[in-house]
Amino acid sequence: MSLRRRLGIAALLLVALAAGMALRTFLLPGPALEAITDGAVVEDFSLPDLDGQPRRLSEFAGKTVVLNFWASWCGPCLEEMPDFIDLQNRQGNRGVQFLGVAVEQAAPARELATRLKLNYPSLVGDLEAMDIARRLGNTAGVLPYTVLIGADGKVLARLEGRADPQDLEKWLNTAGAVQAPAD
């Protein structure tokens, strides 16, 4: 078989592979929140915020927390953050608190938070943050990684990959997470 013919077959196989992957993307749903049935209580942790001040998860006790692990270099993270900003605006007075955890150094995380006008707190942890994510079920080290924590401190759901805002809002509503608006 000639080199030209082998290259043609290889090119054809690559095109078929790319077409198959594109078709899969359009036909199969994206990642969905995975319901957690064991109801494990999240262990409290402390990390510095973007200004270097120590913050604890327990500061948000009694609220439904959407805990999101992200990084400024993570494309899917950047895509979902504007949706989180919108959801925080709409759901914040209903007992929902978004809480970011940047898995990187403070400077790039702070720069991105300022540029996006982040309206919810974000902590910074680099390797320590990944250790926390791992303890919360992110054994593959995927970013973004989101954990929905009920007002009672128990894990309700988790998601590896970019969150769909409609799916997340549905989860918040069906899980009983969203309370009546505060007066």
N, C-alpha and C. Protein backbone atom coordinates (compact mmCIF):
# COMPACT_ATOMS: atom_id res chain seq x y z
N MET A 1 0.85 -1.16 0.00
CA MET A 1 0.00 0.00 0.00
C MET A 1 0.91 1.24 0.00
N SER A 2 0.57 2.17 -0.84
CA SER A 2 1.42 3.36 -0.98
C SER A 2 1.22 4.30 0.22
N LEU A 3 2.22 5.14 0.43
CA LEU A 3 2.17 6.12 1.52
C LEU A 3 0.98 7.06 1.34
N ARG A 4 0.74 7.45 0.11
CA ARG A 4 -0.37 8.38 -0.18
C ARG A 4 -1.71 7.75 0.21
N ARG A 5 -1.87 6.48 -0.11
CA ARG A 5 -3.11 5.78 0.21
C ARG A 5 -3.27 5.62 1.72
N ARG A 6 -2.19 5.30 2.44
CA ARG A 6 -2.24 5.17 3.90
C ARG A 6 -2.58 6.50 4.55
N LEU A 7 -2.01 7.59 4.05
CA LEU A 7 -2.32 8.91 4.59
C LEU A 7 -3.79 9.27 4.33
N GLY A 8 -4.29 8.90 3.18
CA GLY A 8 -5.70 9.16 2.86
C GLY A 8 -6.63 8.40 3.80
N ILE A 9 -6.31 7.15 4.07
CA ILE A 9 -7.12 6.35 4.99
C ILE A 9 -7.04 6.93 6.40
N ALA A 10 -5.86 7.33 6.83
CA ALA A 10 -5.70 7.93 8.16
C ALA A 10 -6.51 9.22 8.27
N ALA A 11 -6.48 10.05 7.22
CA ALA A 11 -7.25 11.30 7.23
C ALA A 11 -8.74 11.01 7.29
N LEU A 12 -9.19 10.01 6.54
CA LEU A 12 -10.59 9.63 6.56
C LEU A 12 -11.01 9.14 7.94
N LEU A 13 -10.17 8.35 8.59
CA LEU A 13 -10.47 7.87 9.93
C LEU A 13 -10.54 9.02 10.94
N LEU A 14 -9.65 9.98 10.81
CA LEU A 14 -9.68 11.16 11.70
C LEU A 14 -10.95 11.97 11.51
N VAL A 15 -11.37 12.15 10.26
CA VAL A 15 -12.61 12.88 9.98
C VAL A 15 -13.80 12.12 10.58
N ALA A 16 -13.83 10.81 10.42
CA ALA A 16 -14.92 10.01 10.98
C ALA A 16 -14.93 10.09 12.51
N LEU A 17 -13.77 10.06 13.14
CA LEU A 17 -13.68 10.18 14.59
C LEU A 17 -14.19 11.54 15.04
N ALA A 18 -13.77 12.59 14.38
CA ALA A 18 -14.21 13.95 14.73
C ALA A 18 -15.72 14.08 14.56
N ALA A 19 -16.26 13.53 13.48
CA ALA A 19 -17.70 13.60 13.25
C ALA A 19 -18.45 12.83 14.33
N GLY A 20 -17.94 11.69 14.72
CA GLY A 20 -18.57 10.90 15.78
C GLY A 20 -18.58 11.64 17.11
N MET A 21 -17.47 12.28 17.43
CA MET A 21 -17.39 13.05 18.68
C MET A 21 -18.34 14.24 18.65
N ALA A 22 -18.42 14.92 17.51
CA ALA A 22 -19.34 16.05 17.39
C ALA A 22 -20.78 15.58 17.52
N LEU A 23 -21.11 14.48 16.89
CA LEU A 23 -22.46 13.94 16.96
C LEU A 23 -22.80 13.55 18.40
N ARG A 24 -21.87 12.95 19.10
CA ARG A 24 -22.08 12.57 20.50
C ARG A 24 -22.37 13.81 21.34
N THR A 25 -21.65 14.89 21.08
CA THR A 25 -21.83 16.13 21.83
C THR A 25 -23.23 16.67 21.67
N PHE A 26 -23.79 16.58 20.47
CA PHE A 26 -25.11 17.13 20.22
C PHE A 26 -26.24 16.19 20.61
N LEU A 27 -26.01 14.88 20.57
CA LEU A 27 -27.08 13.93 20.86
C LEU A 27 -27.17 13.54 22.32
N LEU A 28 -26.05 13.48 23.02
CA LEU A 28 -26.07 13.06 24.41
C LEU A 28 -26.10 14.28 25.32
N PRO A 29 -26.82 14.21 26.41
CA PRO A 29 -26.85 15.34 27.33
C PRO A 29 -25.49 15.53 27.98
N GLY A 30 -25.24 16.76 28.42
CA GLY A 30 -24.00 17.06 29.11
C GLY A 30 -24.00 16.48 30.51
N PRO A 31 -23.00 16.80 31.29
CA PRO A 31 -22.96 16.25 32.63
C PRO A 31 -24.16 16.73 33.43
N ALA A 32 -24.68 15.87 34.25
CA ALA A 32 -25.83 16.22 35.08
C ALA A 32 -25.46 16.08 36.54
N LEU A 33 -26.15 16.83 37.37
CA LEU A 33 -25.93 16.71 38.80
C LEU A 33 -26.26 15.29 39.23
N GLU A 34 -25.37 14.71 40.00
CA GLU A 34 -25.54 13.34 40.48
C GLU A 34 -26.11 13.40 41.89
N ALA A 35 -27.30 12.85 42.07
CA ALA A 35 -27.93 12.85 43.39
C ALA A 35 -27.12 11.98 44.34
N ILE A 36 -27.00 12.43 45.56
CA ILE A 36 -26.27 11.68 46.58
C ILE A 36 -27.30 11.14 47.57
N THR A 37 -27.29 9.84 47.78
CA THR A 37 -28.30 9.25 48.65
C THR A 37 -27.79 8.99 50.06
N ASP A 38 -26.47 8.97 50.25
CA ASP A 38 -25.97 8.67 51.60
C ASP A 38 -26.06 9.87 52.54
N GLY A 39 -26.22 11.07 51.99
CA GLY A 39 -26.41 12.25 52.81
C GLY A 39 -25.28 12.55 53.77
N ALA A 40 -24.04 12.37 53.33
CA ALA A 40 -22.89 12.63 54.20
C ALA A 40 -22.81 14.12 54.54
N VAL A 41 -22.52 14.40 55.79
CA VAL A 41 -22.34 15.78 56.23
C VAL A 41 -20.95 16.24 55.80
N VAL A 42 -20.88 17.44 55.25
CA VAL A 42 -19.61 17.99 54.78
C VAL A 42 -18.79 18.45 55.97
N GLU A 43 -17.57 18.00 56.01
CA GLU A 43 -16.64 18.41 57.07
C GLU A 43 -16.27 19.87 56.86
N ASP A 44 -16.28 20.65 57.93
CA ASP A 44 -15.92 22.07 57.84
C ASP A 44 -14.47 22.20 57.40
N PHE A 45 -14.18 23.24 56.65
CA PHE A 45 -12.80 23.53 56.23
C PHE A 45 -12.59 25.03 56.23
N SER A 46 -11.34 25.41 56.21
CA SER A 46 -10.97 26.82 56.20
C SER A 46 -9.93 27.05 55.11
N LEU A 47 -10.15 28.11 54.33
CA LEU A 47 -9.20 28.56 53.30
C LEU A 47 -9.23 30.08 53.29
N PRO A 48 -8.19 30.72 52.79
CA PRO A 48 -8.22 32.18 52.68
C PRO A 48 -9.12 32.61 51.52
N ASP A 49 -9.74 33.78 51.67
CA ASP A 49 -10.51 34.33 50.56
C ASP A 49 -9.55 35.07 49.62
N LEU A 50 -10.09 35.74 48.63
CA LEU A 50 -9.26 36.41 47.62
C LEU A 50 -8.42 37.54 48.20
N ASP A 51 -8.79 38.02 49.38
CA ASP A 51 -8.03 39.07 50.05
C ASP A 51 -7.11 38.52 51.13
N GLY A 52 -7.03 37.20 51.23
CA GLY A 52 -6.12 36.58 52.20
C GLY A 52 -6.72 36.36 53.58
N GLN A 53 -7.99 36.70 53.77
CA GLN A 53 -8.65 36.53 55.07
C GLN A 53 -9.17 35.09 55.20
N PRO A 54 -8.90 34.44 56.34
CA PRO A 54 -9.40 33.06 56.51
C PRO A 54 -10.92 33.03 56.58
N ARG A 55 -11.50 32.08 55.88
CA ARG A 55 -12.96 31.89 55.86
C ARG A 55 -13.24 30.41 56.08
N ARG A 56 -14.39 30.11 56.67
CA ARG A 56 -14.78 28.73 56.94
C ARG A 56 -16.09 28.42 56.21
N LEU A 57 -16.25 27.20 55.79
CA LEU A 57 -17.51 26.76 55.20
C LEU A 57 -18.65 26.95 56.20
N SER A 58 -18.37 26.72 57.46
CA SER A 58 -19.41 26.80 58.49
C SER A 58 -20.01 28.20 58.63
N GLU A 59 -19.38 29.23 58.05
CA GLU A 59 -19.96 30.58 58.05
C GLU A 59 -21.30 30.60 57.32
N PHE A 60 -21.52 29.63 56.45
CA PHE A 60 -22.72 29.60 55.62
C PHE A 60 -23.72 28.55 56.10
N ALA A 61 -23.55 28.08 57.34
CA ALA A 61 -24.46 27.09 57.91
C ALA A 61 -25.89 27.63 57.87
N GLY A 62 -26.84 26.74 57.57
CA GLY A 62 -28.24 27.13 57.49
C GLY A 62 -28.66 27.59 56.10
N LYS A 63 -27.70 27.71 55.20
CA LYS A 63 -28.00 28.08 53.81
C LYS A 63 -27.70 26.88 52.92
N THR A 64 -28.33 26.87 51.76
CA THR A 64 -27.98 25.90 50.75
C THR A 64 -26.76 26.46 50.03
N VAL A 65 -25.67 25.72 50.02
CA VAL A 65 -24.41 26.19 49.45
C VAL A 65 -24.14 25.46 48.14
N VAL A 66 -23.86 26.25 47.11
CA VAL A 66 -23.39 25.71 45.84
C VAL A 66 -21.88 25.93 45.85
N LEU A 67 -21.14 24.88 46.18
CA LEU A 67 -19.69 24.94 46.33
C LEU A 67 -19.06 24.57 45.00
N ASN A 68 -18.35 25.53 44.41
CA ASN A 68 -17.81 25.34 43.06
C ASN A 68 -16.30 25.50 43.04
N PHE A 69 -15.60 24.45 42.63
CA PHE A 69 -14.14 24.46 42.49
C PHE A 69 -13.81 24.88 41.07
N TRP A 70 -12.94 25.88 40.91
CA TRP A 70 -12.68 26.47 39.60
C TRP A 70 -11.23 26.95 39.52
N ALA A 71 -10.83 27.36 38.31
CA ALA A 71 -9.52 27.98 38.08
C ALA A 71 -9.64 28.94 36.91
N SER A 72 -8.83 29.98 36.91
CA SER A 72 -8.91 31.01 35.86
C SER A 72 -8.50 30.48 34.49
N TRP A 73 -7.75 29.40 34.45
CA TRP A 73 -7.29 28.82 33.19
C TRP A 73 -8.24 27.74 32.66
N CYS A 74 -9.32 27.48 33.38
CA CYS A 74 -10.27 26.41 33.05
C CYS A 74 -11.41 26.97 32.19
N GLY A 75 -11.45 26.61 30.92
CA GLY A 75 -12.48 27.11 30.00
C GLY A 75 -13.90 26.88 30.47
N PRO A 76 -14.28 25.64 30.82
CA PRO A 76 -15.65 25.41 31.29
C PRO A 76 -15.98 26.19 32.56
N CYS A 77 -14.98 26.42 33.41
CA CYS A 77 -15.19 27.23 34.63
C CYS A 77 -15.60 28.65 34.23
N LEU A 78 -14.87 29.21 33.27
CA LEU A 78 -15.16 30.57 32.82
C LEU A 78 -16.54 30.67 32.17
N GLU A 79 -16.98 29.60 31.52
CA GLU A 79 -18.29 29.60 30.87
C GLU A 79 -19.42 29.58 31.88
N GLU A 80 -19.25 28.86 33.00
CA GLU A 80 -20.35 28.73 33.95
C GLU A 80 -20.41 29.85 34.98
N MET A 81 -19.32 30.57 35.20
CA MET A 81 -19.31 31.59 36.26
C MET A 81 -20.33 32.72 36.03
N PRO A 82 -20.53 33.22 34.82
CA PRO A 82 -21.58 34.24 34.64
C PRO A 82 -22.98 33.70 35.01
N ASP A 83 -23.22 32.42 34.76
CA ASP A 83 -24.50 31.82 35.15
C ASP A 83 -24.62 31.78 36.67
N PHE A 84 -23.53 31.47 37.36
CA PHE A 84 -23.54 31.45 38.83
C PHE A 84 -23.79 32.85 39.38
N ILE A 85 -23.20 33.86 38.76
CA ILE A 85 -23.42 35.24 39.18
C ILE A 85 -24.90 35.58 39.06
N ASP A 86 -25.52 35.19 37.95
CA ASP A 86 -26.95 35.43 37.74
C ASP A 86 -27.79 34.67 38.77
N LEU A 87 -27.49 33.40 38.99
CA LEU A 87 -28.25 32.61 39.96
C LEU A 87 -28.09 33.16 41.37
N GLN A 88 -26.89 33.63 41.72
CA GLN A 88 -26.69 34.22 43.05
C GLN A 88 -27.55 35.47 43.19
N ASN A 89 -27.62 36.28 42.14
CA ASN A 89 -28.49 37.47 42.17
C ASN A 89 -29.94 37.10 42.39
N ARG A 90 -30.40 36.05 41.71
CA ARG A 90 -31.81 35.68 41.77
C ARG A 90 -32.18 34.83 42.97
N GLN A 91 -31.23 34.03 43.48
CA GLN A 91 -31.55 33.08 44.54
C GLN A 91 -30.95 33.43 45.91
N GLY A 92 -30.09 34.42 45.95
CA GLY A 92 -29.40 34.76 47.21
C GLY A 92 -30.34 35.09 48.35
N ASN A 93 -31.45 35.77 48.05
CA ASN A 93 -32.38 36.13 49.12
C ASN A 93 -33.32 34.99 49.47
N ARG A 94 -33.09 33.83 48.87
CA ARG A 94 -33.93 32.65 49.13
C ARG A 94 -33.14 31.54 49.83
N GLY A 95 -32.03 31.92 50.49
CA GLY A 95 -31.28 30.95 51.27
C GLY A 95 -30.21 30.20 50.50
N VAL A 96 -29.88 30.66 49.30
CA VAL A 96 -28.84 30.01 48.49
C VAL A 96 -27.58 30.86 48.52
N GLN A 97 -26.44 30.22 48.75
CA GLN A 97 -25.17 30.92 48.75
C GLN A 97 -24.18 30.17 47.85
N PHE A 98 -23.74 30.83 46.79
CA PHE A 98 -22.66 30.28 45.97
C PHE A 98 -21.36 30.56 46.69
N LEU A 99 -20.44 29.61 46.63
CA LEU A 99 -19.13 29.76 47.24
C LEU A 99 -18.11 29.14 46.30
N GLY A 100 -17.23 29.97 45.77
CA GLY A 100 -16.19 29.48 44.88
C GLY A 100 -14.96 29.06 45.64
N VAL A 101 -14.22 28.13 45.07
CA VAL A 101 -12.92 27.74 45.61
C VAL A 101 -11.97 27.66 44.42
N ALA A 102 -11.07 28.65 44.34
CA ALA A 102 -10.10 28.69 43.24
C ALA A 102 -8.96 27.73 43.52
N VAL A 103 -8.70 26.88 42.56
CA VAL A 103 -7.63 25.89 42.68
C VAL A 103 -6.41 26.46 41.98
N GLU A 104 -5.84 27.50 42.57
CA GLU A 104 -4.67 28.18 42.01
C GLU A 104 -4.21 29.24 43.00
N GLN A 105 -3.24 30.03 42.59
CA GLN A 105 -2.74 31.12 43.42
C GLN A 105 -3.76 32.26 43.46
N ALA A 106 -3.65 33.13 44.46
CA ALA A 106 -4.63 34.19 44.67
C ALA A 106 -4.64 35.24 43.56
N ALA A 107 -3.48 35.63 43.04
CA ALA A 107 -3.42 36.75 42.07
C ALA A 107 -4.28 36.50 40.82
N PRO A 108 -4.12 35.39 40.10
CA PRO A 108 -4.96 35.19 38.91
C PRO A 108 -6.43 35.00 39.26
N ALA A 109 -6.71 34.38 40.41
CA ALA A 109 -8.09 34.20 40.84
C ALA A 109 -8.74 35.55 41.14
N ARG A 110 -8.01 36.41 41.84
CA ARG A 110 -8.52 37.75 42.18
C ARG A 110 -8.76 38.57 40.92
N GLU A 111 -7.83 38.48 39.97
CA GLU A 111 -7.97 39.21 38.71
C GLU A 111 -9.23 38.79 37.96
N LEU A 112 -9.47 37.49 37.89
CA LEU A 112 -10.67 37.00 37.19
C LEU A 112 -11.93 37.41 37.94
N ALA A 113 -11.94 37.27 39.25
CA ALA A 113 -13.11 37.64 40.04
C ALA A 113 -13.46 39.11 39.85
N THR A 114 -12.44 39.96 39.78
CA THR A 114 -12.67 41.39 39.55
C THR A 114 -13.22 41.63 38.16
N ARG A 115 -12.63 40.98 37.17
CA ARG A 115 -13.07 41.15 35.79
C ARG A 115 -14.52 40.69 35.58
N LEU A 116 -14.90 39.59 36.23
CA LEU A 116 -16.26 39.07 36.09
C LEU A 116 -17.26 39.73 37.04
N LYS A 117 -16.74 40.54 37.97
CA LYS A 117 -17.59 41.17 39.01
C LYS A 117 -18.31 40.08 39.81
N LEU A 118 -17.51 39.14 40.30
CA LEU A 118 -18.03 38.02 41.08
C LEU A 118 -18.81 38.56 42.28
N ASN A 119 -20.04 38.11 42.45
CA ASN A 119 -20.91 38.61 43.51
C ASN A 119 -21.08 37.60 44.66
N TYR A 120 -20.22 36.64 44.72
CA TYR A 120 -20.24 35.67 45.80
C TYR A 120 -18.81 35.43 46.25
N PRO A 121 -18.62 35.00 47.50
CA PRO A 121 -17.25 34.81 48.00
C PRO A 121 -16.53 33.69 47.26
N SER A 122 -15.24 33.85 47.17
CA SER A 122 -14.40 32.79 46.60
C SER A 122 -13.17 32.64 47.47
N LEU A 123 -12.85 31.41 47.73
CA LEU A 123 -11.69 31.07 48.53
C LEU A 123 -10.58 30.62 47.59
N VAL A 124 -9.36 30.54 48.11
CA VAL A 124 -8.21 30.15 47.29
C VAL A 124 -7.46 29.05 48.03
N GLY A 125 -7.09 28.00 47.29
CA GLY A 125 -6.44 26.92 48.00
C GLY A 125 -5.40 26.11 47.26
N ASP A 126 -5.27 26.25 45.98
CA ASP A 126 -4.30 25.49 45.21
C ASP A 126 -4.39 24.00 45.56
N LEU A 127 -3.33 23.37 46.02
CA LEU A 127 -3.35 21.93 46.30
C LEU A 127 -4.28 21.56 47.45
N GLU A 128 -4.36 22.43 48.44
CA GLU A 128 -5.27 22.16 49.56
C GLU A 128 -6.72 22.14 49.08
N ALA A 129 -7.04 23.03 48.13
CA ALA A 129 -8.40 23.06 47.57
C ALA A 129 -8.70 21.75 46.84
N MET A 130 -7.74 21.25 46.08
CA MET A 130 -7.96 19.97 45.38
C MET A 130 -8.14 18.83 46.36
N ASP A 131 -7.45 18.88 47.50
CA ASP A 131 -7.61 17.85 48.53
C ASP A 131 -9.04 17.90 49.08
N ILE A 132 -9.57 19.10 49.29
CA ILE A 132 -10.95 19.24 49.77
C ILE A 132 -11.92 18.70 48.73
N ALA A 133 -11.71 19.06 47.45
CA ALA A 133 -12.57 18.56 46.37
C ALA A 133 -12.52 17.03 46.33
N ARG A 134 -11.35 16.46 46.51
CA ARG A 134 -11.20 15.01 46.48
C ARG A 134 -12.00 14.38 47.62
N ARG A 135 -11.94 14.97 48.81
CA ARG A 135 -12.70 14.46 49.95
C ARG A 135 -14.21 14.55 49.70
N LEU A 136 -14.61 15.48 48.83
CA LEU A 136 -16.02 15.65 48.50
C LEU A 136 -16.44 14.85 47.26
N GLY A 137 -15.58 13.92 46.83
CA GLY A 137 -15.95 13.01 45.76
C GLY A 137 -15.31 13.24 44.41
N ASN A 138 -14.46 14.26 44.29
CA ASN A 138 -13.81 14.54 43.00
C ASN A 138 -12.51 13.74 42.89
N THR A 139 -12.64 12.44 42.79
CA THR A 139 -11.47 11.57 42.76
C THR A 139 -10.65 11.69 41.48
N ALA A 140 -11.27 12.20 40.40
CA ALA A 140 -10.56 12.36 39.13
C ALA A 140 -9.84 13.70 39.03
N GLY A 141 -10.08 14.62 39.96
CA GLY A 141 -9.43 15.93 39.91
C GLY A 141 -9.96 16.82 38.80
N VAL A 142 -11.25 16.69 38.48
CA VAL A 142 -11.89 17.43 37.39
C VAL A 142 -12.22 18.86 37.81
N LEU A 143 -12.06 19.80 36.89
CA LEU A 143 -12.53 21.17 37.07
C LEU A 143 -13.38 21.53 35.87
N PRO A 144 -14.46 22.25 36.07
CA PRO A 144 -15.03 22.63 37.36
C PRO A 144 -15.65 21.42 38.05
N TYR A 145 -15.81 21.58 39.36
CA TYR A 145 -16.45 20.55 40.18
C TYR A 145 -17.37 21.27 41.14
N THR A 146 -18.63 20.86 41.18
CA THR A 146 -19.63 21.56 41.98
C THR A 146 -20.32 20.58 42.92
N VAL A 147 -20.49 21.02 44.16
CA VAL A 147 -21.17 20.23 45.18
C VAL A 147 -22.32 21.06 45.73
N LEU A 148 -23.52 20.49 45.72
CA LEU A 148 -24.69 21.14 46.29
C LEU A 148 -24.85 20.63 47.71
N ILE A 149 -24.77 21.56 48.68
CA ILE A 149 -24.83 21.21 50.10
C ILE A 149 -26.12 21.80 50.68
N GLY A 150 -26.92 20.96 51.30
CA GLY A 150 -28.18 21.39 51.89
C GLY A 150 -27.96 22.26 53.11
N ALA A 151 -29.02 22.94 53.53
CA ALA A 151 -28.95 23.81 54.71
C ALA A 151 -28.55 23.04 55.96
N ASP A 152 -28.77 21.72 55.94
CA ASP A 152 -28.39 20.88 57.08
C ASP A 152 -26.94 20.42 57.01
N GLY A 153 -26.20 20.86 55.97
CA GLY A 153 -24.79 20.51 55.84
C GLY A 153 -24.53 19.20 55.12
N LYS A 154 -25.58 18.56 54.61
CA LYS A 154 -25.41 17.28 53.92
C LYS A 154 -25.27 17.50 52.42
N VAL A 155 -24.45 16.67 51.78
CA VAL A 155 -24.28 16.72 50.34
C VAL A 155 -25.56 16.22 49.68
N LEU A 156 -26.11 17.06 48.79
CA LEU A 156 -27.33 16.69 48.06
C LEU A 156 -27.00 16.17 46.67
N ALA A 157 -25.99 16.77 46.04
CA ALA A 157 -25.64 16.39 44.67
C ALA A 157 -24.24 16.90 44.36
N ARG A 158 -23.65 16.33 43.33
CA ARG A 158 -22.36 16.82 42.85
C ARG A 158 -22.29 16.67 41.34
N LEU A 159 -21.40 17.46 40.77
CA LEU A 159 -21.30 17.51 39.31
C LEU A 159 -19.84 17.68 38.90
N GLU A 160 -19.39 16.82 38.02
CA GLU A 160 -18.08 16.96 37.40
C GLU A 160 -18.29 17.62 36.05
N GLY A 161 -17.67 18.78 35.84
CA GLY A 161 -17.81 19.48 34.57
C GLY A 161 -18.71 20.70 34.70
N ARG A 162 -18.94 21.33 33.55
CA ARG A 162 -19.70 22.58 33.50
C ARG A 162 -21.15 22.36 33.90
N ALA A 163 -21.63 23.21 34.81
CA ALA A 163 -23.01 23.12 35.27
C ALA A 163 -23.95 23.83 34.30
N ASP A 164 -25.08 23.21 34.04
CA ASP A 164 -26.13 23.84 33.26
C ASP A 164 -26.98 24.65 34.24
N PRO A 165 -27.16 25.97 34.00
CA PRO A 165 -27.88 26.79 34.99
C PRO A 165 -29.33 26.35 35.21
N GLN A 166 -30.02 25.91 34.16
CA GLN A 166 -31.40 25.46 34.32
C GLN A 166 -31.46 24.19 35.16
N ASP A 167 -30.52 23.28 34.93
CA ASP A 167 -30.47 22.04 35.69
C ASP A 167 -30.17 22.34 37.16
N LEU A 168 -29.23 23.23 37.40
CA LEU A 168 -28.88 23.60 38.76
C LEU A 168 -30.05 24.26 39.48
N GLU A 169 -30.73 25.17 38.80
CA GLU A 169 -31.88 25.84 39.41
C GLU A 169 -33.00 24.84 39.70
N LYS A 170 -33.20 23.89 38.80
CA LYS A 170 -34.20 22.84 39.03
C LYS A 170 -33.83 22.04 40.28
N TRP A 171 -32.55 21.72 40.41
CA TRP A 171 -32.09 20.98 41.59
C TRP A 171 -32.33 21.78 42.85
N LEU A 172 -32.03 23.05 42.80
CA LEU A 172 -32.24 23.90 43.98
C LEU A 172 -33.71 23.91 44.38
N ASN A 173 -34.58 23.97 43.40
CA ASN A 173 -36.02 24.00 43.68
C ASN A 173 -36.56 22.65 44.14
N THR A 174 -36.19 21.56 43.46
CA THR A 174 -36.75 20.25 43.80
C THR A 174 -36.15 19.68 45.08
N ALA A 175 -34.95 20.08 45.41
CA ALA A 175 -34.32 19.58 46.63
C ALA A 175 -34.84 20.34 47.85
N GLY A 176 -35.73 21.29 47.62
CA GLY A 176 -36.25 22.07 48.73
C GLY A 176 -35.23 23.07 49.24
N ALA A 177 -34.22 23.32 48.40
CA ALA A 177 -33.13 24.17 48.84
C ALA A 177 -33.53 25.63 48.87
N VAL A 178 -34.40 26.04 47.96
CA VAL A 178 -34.73 27.45 47.86
C VAL A 178 -35.87 27.77 48.83
N GLN A 179 -35.59 28.66 49.75
CA GLN A 179 -36.58 29.08 50.74
C GLN A 179 -37.39 30.23 50.20
N ALA A 180 -38.45 30.57 50.90
CA ALA A 180 -39.24 31.74 50.52
C ALA A 180 -38.35 32.97 50.61
N PRO A 181 -38.56 33.96 49.76
CA PRO A 181 -37.70 35.15 49.78
C PRO A 181 -37.73 35.84 51.14
N ALA A 182 -36.56 36.30 51.55
CA ALA A 182 -36.46 37.03 52.82
C ALA A 182 -37.07 38.41 52.64
N ASP A 183 -37.75 38.89 53.68
CA ASP A 183 -38.37 40.22 53.60
C ASP A 183 -37.36 41.31 53.85
